[in-house]
Amino acid sequence: MIDAANKPADIAGCYTRRWGIETGYHELKQTMLAAALALRSKTVANVYQEIWGTLISYNLILLEIAKAALVVKCKPTEVSFIRAFHLIQFELYWAAVTRSYDKLPASMKHRRERLVSLLNDERPDRKFDRAFKAKPQRYATRVLRKPA
């Protein structure tokens, strides 16, 4: 940090990239994995498979968001990840139940059109500070009362 080669613009760029990475971690851990504390697999090979499956599905959701944003000519960051995740999850459940494989291309086109309707709301007049939520406790606690 003290090196003269580090310019304020470089530091600002690093901060922007770091913020994007932190947002990606949040989307993976909180949204896709539902804040689960551990992986469900019991063997090393299955843990790898679970991690790769999660990363692939995360990238496919981002790809669908990018394609939907390209259609509307907006930034992909303007599409809500949580809403897109729930929409794609619902559409995939529907596709698994109906077993109508010939309708999948039309379904994907319809999904992209629906993703466009899920743009984040602009809040230019927002004047509230960020609120920090209390972290949930991992284990239930029991309060011992003193005898009266």
C-alpha atoms as a PDB file:
ATOM      1  CA  MET A   1       0.000   0.000   0.000  1.00  0.00           C
ATOM      2  CA  ILE A   2       2.875   2.404   0.646  1.00  0.00           C
ATOM      3  CA  ASP A   3       4.446   1.748  -2.759  1.00  0.00           C
ATOM      4  CA  ALA A   4       4.281   4.823  -5.015  1.00  0.00           C
ATOM      5  CA  ALA A   5       3.124   2.629  -7.912  1.00  0.00           C
ATOM      6  CA  ASN A   6      -0.255   2.124  -6.210  1.00  0.00           C
ATOM      7  CA  LYS A   7      -2.423   4.945  -7.435  1.00  0.00           C
ATOM      8  CA  PRO A   8      -5.807   5.828  -5.931  1.00  0.00           C
ATOM      9  CA  ALA A   9      -7.514   4.707  -9.160  1.00  0.00           C
ATOM     10  CA  ASP A  10      -5.878   1.268  -8.851  1.00  0.00           C
ATOM     11  CA  ILE A  11      -7.044   0.962  -5.254  1.00  0.00           C
ATOM     12  CA  ALA A  12     -10.573   2.005  -6.213  1.00  0.00           C
ATOM     13  CA  GLY A  13     -10.578  -0.608  -8.982  1.00  0.00           C
ATOM     14  CA  CYS A  14      -9.443  -3.284  -6.538  1.00  0.00           C
ATOM     15  CA  TYR A  15     -12.198  -2.292  -4.134  1.00  0.00           C
ATOM     16  CA  THR A  16     -14.819  -2.564  -6.897  1.00  0.00           C
ATOM     17  CA  ARG A  17     -13.583  -6.033  -7.876  1.00  0.00           C
ATOM     18  CA  ARG A  18     -13.503  -7.134  -4.237  1.00  0.00           C
ATOM     19  CA  TRP A  19     -17.065  -5.895  -3.717  1.00  0.00           C
ATOM     20  CA  GLY A  20     -18.168  -7.948  -6.732  1.00  0.00           C
ATOM     21  CA  ILE A  21     -16.478 -11.046  -5.320  1.00  0.00           C
ATOM     22  CA  GLU A  22     -18.074 -10.534  -1.900  1.00  0.00           C
ATOM     23  CA  THR A  23     -21.473 -10.132  -3.555  1.00  0.00           C
ATOM     24  CA  GLY A  24     -20.893 -13.399  -5.431  1.00  0.00           C
ATOM     25  CA  TYR A  25     -20.024 -15.200  -2.191  1.00  0.00           C
ATOM     26  CA  HIS A  26     -23.190 -13.839  -0.609  1.00  0.00           C
ATOM     27  CA  GLU A  27     -25.318 -15.009  -3.543  1.00  0.00           C
ATOM     28  CA  LEU A  28     -23.791 -18.474  -3.357  1.00  0.00           C
ATOM     29  CA  LYS A  29     -23.890 -18.952   0.396  1.00  0.00           C
ATOM     30  CA  GLN A  30     -27.056 -17.152   1.427  1.00  0.00           C
ATOM     31  CA  THR A  31     -29.310 -17.474  -1.609  1.00  0.00           C
ATOM     32  CA  MET A  32     -28.399 -20.741  -3.302  1.00  0.00           C
ATOM     33  CA  LEU A  33     -27.302 -22.780  -0.297  1.00  0.00           C
ATOM     34  CA  ALA A  34     -29.924 -21.221   2.028  1.00  0.00           C
ATOM     35  CA  ALA A  35     -27.286 -20.366   4.649  1.00  0.00           C
ATOM     36  CA  ALA A  36     -26.576 -24.046   5.308  1.00  0.00           C
ATOM     37  CA  LEU A  37     -23.724 -24.603   7.732  1.00  0.00           C
ATOM     38  CA  ALA A  38     -22.321 -27.710   6.062  1.00  0.00           C
ATOM     39  CA  LEU A  39     -22.403 -29.736   2.893  1.00  0.00           C
ATOM     40  CA  ARG A  40     -24.625 -32.814   2.896  1.00  0.00           C
ATOM     41  CA  SER A  41     -22.211 -35.250   1.247  1.00  0.00           C
ATOM     42  CA  LYS A  42     -20.296 -37.774   3.298  1.00  0.00           C
ATOM     43  CA  THR A  43     -17.423 -38.695   0.966  1.00  0.00           C
ATOM     44  CA  VAL A  44     -14.728 -36.485  -0.501  1.00  0.00           C
ATOM     45  CA  ALA A  45     -15.745 -37.258  -4.094  1.00  0.00           C
ATOM     46  CA  ASN A  46     -19.351 -36.331  -3.387  1.00  0.00           C
ATOM     47  CA  VAL A  47     -18.297 -33.095  -1.651  1.00  0.00           C
ATOM     48  CA  TYR A  48     -16.358 -32.145  -4.788  1.00  0.00           C
ATOM     49  CA  GLN A  49     -19.386 -33.025  -6.903  1.00  0.00           C
ATOM     50  CA  GLU A  50     -21.658 -30.907  -4.702  1.00  0.00           C
ATOM     51  CA  ILE A  51     -19.306 -27.913  -4.853  1.00  0.00           C
ATOM     52  CA  TRP A  52     -18.893 -28.180  -8.639  1.00  0.00           C
ATOM     53  CA  GLY A  53     -22.635 -28.561  -9.106  1.00  0.00           C
ATOM     54  CA  THR A  54     -23.263 -25.425  -7.070  1.00  0.00           C
ATOM     55  CA  LEU A  55     -20.645 -23.431  -8.981  1.00  0.00           C
ATOM     56  CA  ILE A  56     -21.956 -24.592 -12.361  1.00  0.00           C
ATOM     57  CA  SER A  57     -25.549 -23.753 -11.472  1.00  0.00           C
ATOM     58  CA  TYR A  58     -24.438 -20.330 -10.165  1.00  0.00           C
ATOM     59  CA  ASN A  59     -22.673 -19.592 -13.447  1.00  0.00           C
ATOM     60  CA  LEU A  60     -25.683 -20.788 -15.482  1.00  0.00           C
ATOM     61  CA  ILE A  61     -27.949 -18.418 -13.550  1.00  0.00           C
ATOM     62  CA  LEU A  62     -25.523 -15.561 -14.217  1.00  0.00           C
ATOM     63  CA  LEU A  63     -25.450 -16.538 -17.900  1.00  0.00           C
ATOM     64  CA  GLU A  64     -29.245 -16.387 -18.106  1.00  0.00           C
ATOM     65  CA  ILE A  65     -29.202 -13.000 -16.353  1.00  0.00           C
ATOM     66  CA  ALA A  66     -26.607 -11.728 -18.839  1.00  0.00           C
ATOM     67  CA  LYS A  67     -28.616 -12.967 -21.842  1.00  0.00           C
ATOM     68  CA  ALA A  68     -31.802 -11.391 -20.497  1.00  0.00           C
ATOM     69  CA  ALA A  69     -29.978  -8.104 -19.879  1.00  0.00           C
ATOM     70  CA  LEU A  70     -28.605  -8.196 -23.417  1.00  0.00           C
ATOM     71  CA  VAL A  71     -32.135  -8.410 -24.806  1.00  0.00           C
ATOM     72  CA  VAL A  72     -33.252  -5.336 -22.857  1.00  0.00           C
ATOM     73  CA  LYS A  73     -29.941  -3.526 -23.244  1.00  0.00           C
ATOM     74  CA  CYS A  74     -29.325  -3.001 -19.544  1.00  0.00           C
ATOM     75  CA  LYS A  75     -26.521  -4.014 -17.199  1.00  0.00           C
ATOM     76  CA  PRO A  76     -26.660  -7.558 -15.808  1.00  0.00           C
ATOM     77  CA  THR A  77     -26.265  -6.098 -12.312  1.00  0.00           C
ATOM     78  CA  GLU A  78     -29.660  -4.444 -12.720  1.00  0.00           C
ATOM     79  CA  VAL A  79     -31.392  -7.848 -12.719  1.00  0.00           C
ATOM     80  CA  SER A  80     -32.104  -9.240  -9.260  1.00  0.00           C
ATOM     81  CA  PHE A  81     -30.141 -12.442  -8.610  1.00  0.00           C
ATOM     82  CA  ILE A  82     -32.543 -13.676  -5.937  1.00  0.00           C
ATOM     83  CA  ARG A  83     -35.610 -13.179  -8.117  1.00  0.00           C
ATOM     84  CA  ALA A  84     -33.854 -14.753 -11.095  1.00  0.00           C
ATOM     85  CA  PHE A  85     -32.762 -17.728  -8.983  1.00  0.00           C
ATOM     86  CA  HIS A  86     -36.302 -18.350  -7.730  1.00  0.00           C
ATOM     87  CA  LEU A  87     -37.784 -17.978 -11.212  1.00  0.00           C
ATOM     88  CA  ILE A  88     -35.305 -20.406 -12.773  1.00  0.00           C
ATOM     89  CA  GLN A  89     -35.763 -22.814  -9.889  1.00  0.00           C
ATOM     90  CA  PHE A  90     -39.550 -22.756 -10.381  1.00  0.00           C
ATOM     91  CA  GLU A  91     -39.226 -23.184 -14.163  1.00  0.00           C
ATOM     92  CA  LEU A  92     -36.891 -26.176 -13.735  1.00  0.00           C
ATOM     93  CA  TYR A  93     -39.271 -27.820 -11.256  1.00  0.00           C
ATOM     94  CA  TRP A  94     -42.068 -27.310 -13.773  1.00  0.00           C
ATOM     95  CA  ALA A  95     -39.968 -28.747 -16.610  1.00  0.00           C
ATOM     96  CA  ALA A  96     -39.114 -31.821 -14.522  1.00  0.00           C
ATOM     97  CA  VAL A  97     -42.769 -32.515 -13.712  1.00  0.00           C
ATOM     98  CA  THR A  98     -44.293 -31.947 -17.136  1.00  0.00           C
ATOM     99  CA  ARG A  99     -41.711 -33.885 -19.173  1.00  0.00           C
ATOM    100  CA  SER A 100     -42.514 -31.882 -22.297  1.00  0.00           C
ATOM    101  CA  TYR A 101     -39.023 -31.593 -23.725  1.00  0.00           C
ATOM    102  CA  ASP A 102     -40.176 -30.020 -26.981  1.00  0.00           C
ATOM    103  CA  LYS A 103     -41.361 -26.957 -25.047  1.00  0.00           C
ATOM    104  CA  LEU A 104     -37.979 -26.243 -23.414  1.00  0.00           C
ATOM    105  CA  PRO A 105     -36.702 -23.744 -26.035  1.00  0.00           C
ATOM    106  CA  ALA A 106     -39.934 -21.743 -25.825  1.00  0.00           C
ATOM    107  CA  SER A 107     -39.761 -21.997 -22.052  1.00  0.00           C
ATOM    108  CA  MET A 108     -36.238 -20.568 -22.037  1.00  0.00           C
ATOM    109  CA  LYS A 109     -37.347 -17.669 -24.235  1.00  0.00           C
ATOM    110  CA  HIS A 110     -40.284 -17.019 -21.906  1.00  0.00           C
ATOM    111  CA  ARG A 111     -37.950 -17.205 -18.885  1.00  0.00           C
ATOM    112  CA  ARG A 112     -35.660 -14.542 -20.342  1.00  0.00           C
ATOM    113  CA  GLU A 113     -38.659 -12.299 -20.971  1.00  0.00           C
ATOM    114  CA  ARG A 114     -39.751 -12.782 -17.358  1.00  0.00           C
ATOM    115  CA  LEU A 115     -36.233 -12.062 -16.091  1.00  0.00           C
ATOM    116  CA  VAL A 116     -36.454  -8.663 -17.752  1.00  0.00           C
ATOM    117  CA  SER A 117     -39.444  -7.842 -15.576  1.00  0.00           C
ATOM    118  CA  LEU A 118     -37.321  -8.555 -12.499  1.00  0.00           C
ATOM    119  CA  LEU A 119     -35.087  -5.511 -12.754  1.00  0.00           C
ATOM    120  CA  ASN A 120     -33.926  -4.027  -9.467  1.00  0.00           C
ATOM    121  CA  ASP A 121     -35.829  -0.973  -8.337  1.00  0.00           C
ATOM    122  CA  GLU A 122     -33.989   2.309  -8.578  1.00  0.00           C
ATOM    123  CA  ARG A 123     -33.800   4.037  -5.200  1.00  0.00           C
ATOM    124  CA  PRO A 124     -32.124   7.388  -5.852  1.00  0.00           C
ATOM    125  CA  ASP A 125     -33.568   9.102  -2.763  1.00  0.00           C
ATOM    126  CA  ARG A 126     -32.514   6.422  -0.298  1.00  0.00           C
ATOM    127  CA  LYS A 127     -31.089   8.159   2.744  1.00  0.00           C
ATOM    128  CA  PHE A 128     -30.948   5.362   5.280  1.00  0.00           C
ATOM    129  CA  ASP A 129     -27.698   3.920   6.540  1.00  0.00           C
ATOM    130  CA  ARG A 130     -27.041   0.243   6.150  1.00  0.00           C
ATOM    131  CA  ALA A 131     -28.586  -1.874   8.871  1.00  0.00           C
ATOM    132  CA  PHE A 132     -26.585  -4.740  10.299  1.00  0.00           C
ATOM    133  CA  LYS A 133     -28.555  -7.848  11.124  1.00  0.00           C
ATOM    134  CA  ALA A 134     -27.653  -9.946  14.116  1.00  0.00           C
ATOM    135  CA  LYS A 135     -25.978 -13.190  13.102  1.00  0.00           C
ATOM    136  CA  PRO A 136     -28.114 -16.262  13.766  1.00  0.00           C
ATOM    137  CA  GLN A 137     -26.762 -18.527  16.457  1.00  0.00           C
ATOM    138  CA  ARG A 138     -25.559 -21.933  15.362  1.00  0.00           C
ATOM    139  CA  TYR A 139     -26.950 -23.764  18.352  1.00  0.00           C
ATOM    140  CA  ALA A 140     -30.007 -23.249  20.449  1.00  0.00           C
ATOM    141  CA  THR A 141     -29.188 -21.757  23.820  1.00  0.00           C
ATOM    142  CA  ARG A 142     -30.895 -22.552  27.047  1.00  0.00           C
ATOM    143  CA  VAL A 143     -31.167 -19.921  29.729  1.00  0.00           C
ATOM    144  CA  LEU A 144     -30.779 -21.293  33.224  1.00  0.00           C
ATOM    145  CA  ARG A 145     -32.869 -19.550  35.845  1.00  0.00           C
ATOM    146  CA  LYS A 146     -31.822 -19.246  39.422  1.00  0.00           C
ATOM    147  CA  PRO A 147     -34.188 -20.828  41.949  1.00  0.00           C
ATOM    148  CA  ALA A 148     -36.255 -18.257  43.806  1.00  0.00           C
END
